Amino acid sequence: MDRYFDKLDERWRALPMRKQHQYTLYFFVGYLLLTAGVIGKVWYDTQKSANGMVIEHIENPVFKSKNPARLQDSVSTILKNQIYERK
């Protein structure tokens, strides 16, 4: 990994100073646009959202189904299967 980064550093230093400045400016402008986009999206989402919150009771989906399956301990089932799979 160090050799790879050393090669990249050597290639960067081999570029003329004007090219280094140009690439740095492009990266900065890209970062600035990305930051502005994220801030704009957060601002838009907060302006659009409703201030109300609905709070309801949590219901167990097993009890809601019409044909409730027998509740099983999945951890013990998994452990039992692993014991039988060993050779």
Protein backbone atom coordinates (compact mmCIF):
# COMPACT_ATOMS: atom_id res chain seq x y z
CA MET A 1 0.00 0.00 0.00
CA ASP A 2 2.82 2.36 0.87
CA ARG A 3 4.48 1.78 -2.49
CA TYR A 4 1.23 2.60 -4.28
CA PHE A 5 0.85 5.87 -2.37
CA ASP A 6 4.50 6.70 -2.96
CA LYS A 7 3.98 6.22 -6.72
CA LEU A 8 0.92 8.47 -6.63
CA ASP A 9 2.86 11.09 -4.71
CA GLU A 10 5.70 10.96 -7.22
CA ARG A 11 3.26 11.34 -10.12
CA TRP A 12 1.60 14.28 -8.37
CA ARG A 13 4.93 16.02 -7.76
CA ALA A 14 5.95 15.40 -11.39
CA LEU A 15 2.99 17.47 -12.60
CA PRO A 16 3.64 21.14 -13.29
CA MET A 17 2.56 23.54 -10.53
CA ARG A 18 -0.11 25.08 -12.77
CA LYS A 19 -1.69 21.61 -13.36
CA GLN A 20 -1.59 20.84 -9.60
CA HIS A 21 -3.33 24.14 -8.90
CA GLN A 22 -5.95 23.42 -11.58
CA TYR A 23 -6.72 19.91 -10.24
CA THR A 24 -6.92 21.21 -6.68
CA LEU A 25 -9.33 23.92 -7.80
CA TYR A 26 -11.52 21.34 -9.62
CA PHE A 27 -11.66 19.10 -6.54
CA PHE A 28 -12.55 22.06 -4.32
CA VAL A 29 -15.34 23.21 -6.67
CA GLY A 30 -16.72 19.66 -6.81
CA TYR A 31 -16.65 19.42 -3.01
CA LEU A 32 -18.33 22.84 -2.75
CA LEU A 33 -21.12 21.79 -5.15
CA LEU A 34 -21.65 18.52 -3.30
CA THR A 35 -21.85 20.35 0.04
CA ALA A 36 -24.29 22.92 -1.36
CA GLY A 37 -26.44 20.11 -2.77
CA VAL A 38 -26.60 18.28 0.57
CA ILE A 39 -27.40 21.48 2.48
CA GLY A 40 -30.08 22.34 -0.09
CA LYS A 41 -31.63 18.86 0.18
CA VAL A 42 -31.71 19.02 3.98
CA TRP A 43 -33.22 22.50 3.87
CA TYR A 44 -35.86 21.38 1.35
CA ASP A 45 -36.78 18.30 3.40
CA THR A 46 -37.13 20.28 6.63
CA GLN A 47 -39.32 22.89 4.95
CA LYS A 48 -41.55 20.21 3.38
CA SER A 49 -42.06 18.01 6.42
CA ALA A 50 -45.12 18.20 8.63
CA ASN A 51 -44.60 19.11 12.26
CA GLY A 52 -47.03 16.48 13.56
CA MET A 53 -46.03 13.07 14.82
CA VAL A 54 -48.34 10.08 15.08
CA ILE A 55 -47.67 7.85 18.08
CA GLU A 56 -49.36 4.45 18.12
CA HIS A 57 -49.04 1.29 20.15
CA ILE A 58 -46.71 -1.38 18.83
CA GLU A 59 -48.50 -4.61 17.99
CA ASN A 60 -46.87 -8.00 17.64
CA PRO A 61 -47.29 -9.17 14.01
CA VAL A 62 -47.46 -12.84 15.10
CA PHE A 63 -50.64 -12.18 17.06
CA LYS A 64 -52.15 -10.15 14.20
CA SER A 65 -51.99 -13.01 11.68
CA LYS A 66 -55.05 -15.22 11.19
CA ASN A 67 -53.09 -18.48 11.42
CA PRO A 68 -50.56 -17.94 14.21
CA ALA A 69 -47.65 -20.30 14.04
CA ARG A 70 -46.30 -21.90 17.15
CA LEU A 71 -43.64 -19.64 18.65
CA GLN A 72 -40.23 -21.29 18.66
CA ASP A 73 -36.89 -20.35 20.07
CA SER A 74 -34.86 -19.85 16.90
CA VAL A 75 -31.52 -19.68 18.72
CA SER A 76 -31.87 -23.18 20.17
CA THR A 77 -33.02 -24.50 16.77
CA ILE A 78 -29.97 -23.03 15.06
CA LEU A 79 -27.62 -24.42 17.69
CA LYS A 80 -29.19 -27.90 17.46
CA ASN A 81 -28.80 -27.88 13.66
CA GLN A 82 -25.15 -26.89 13.94
CA ILE A 83 -24.46 -29.80 16.30
CA TYR A 84 -25.92 -32.29 13.82
CA GLU A 85 -24.04 -30.77 10.88
CA ARG A 86 -20.64 -31.38 12.44
CA LYS A 87 -18.61 -34.30 11.13
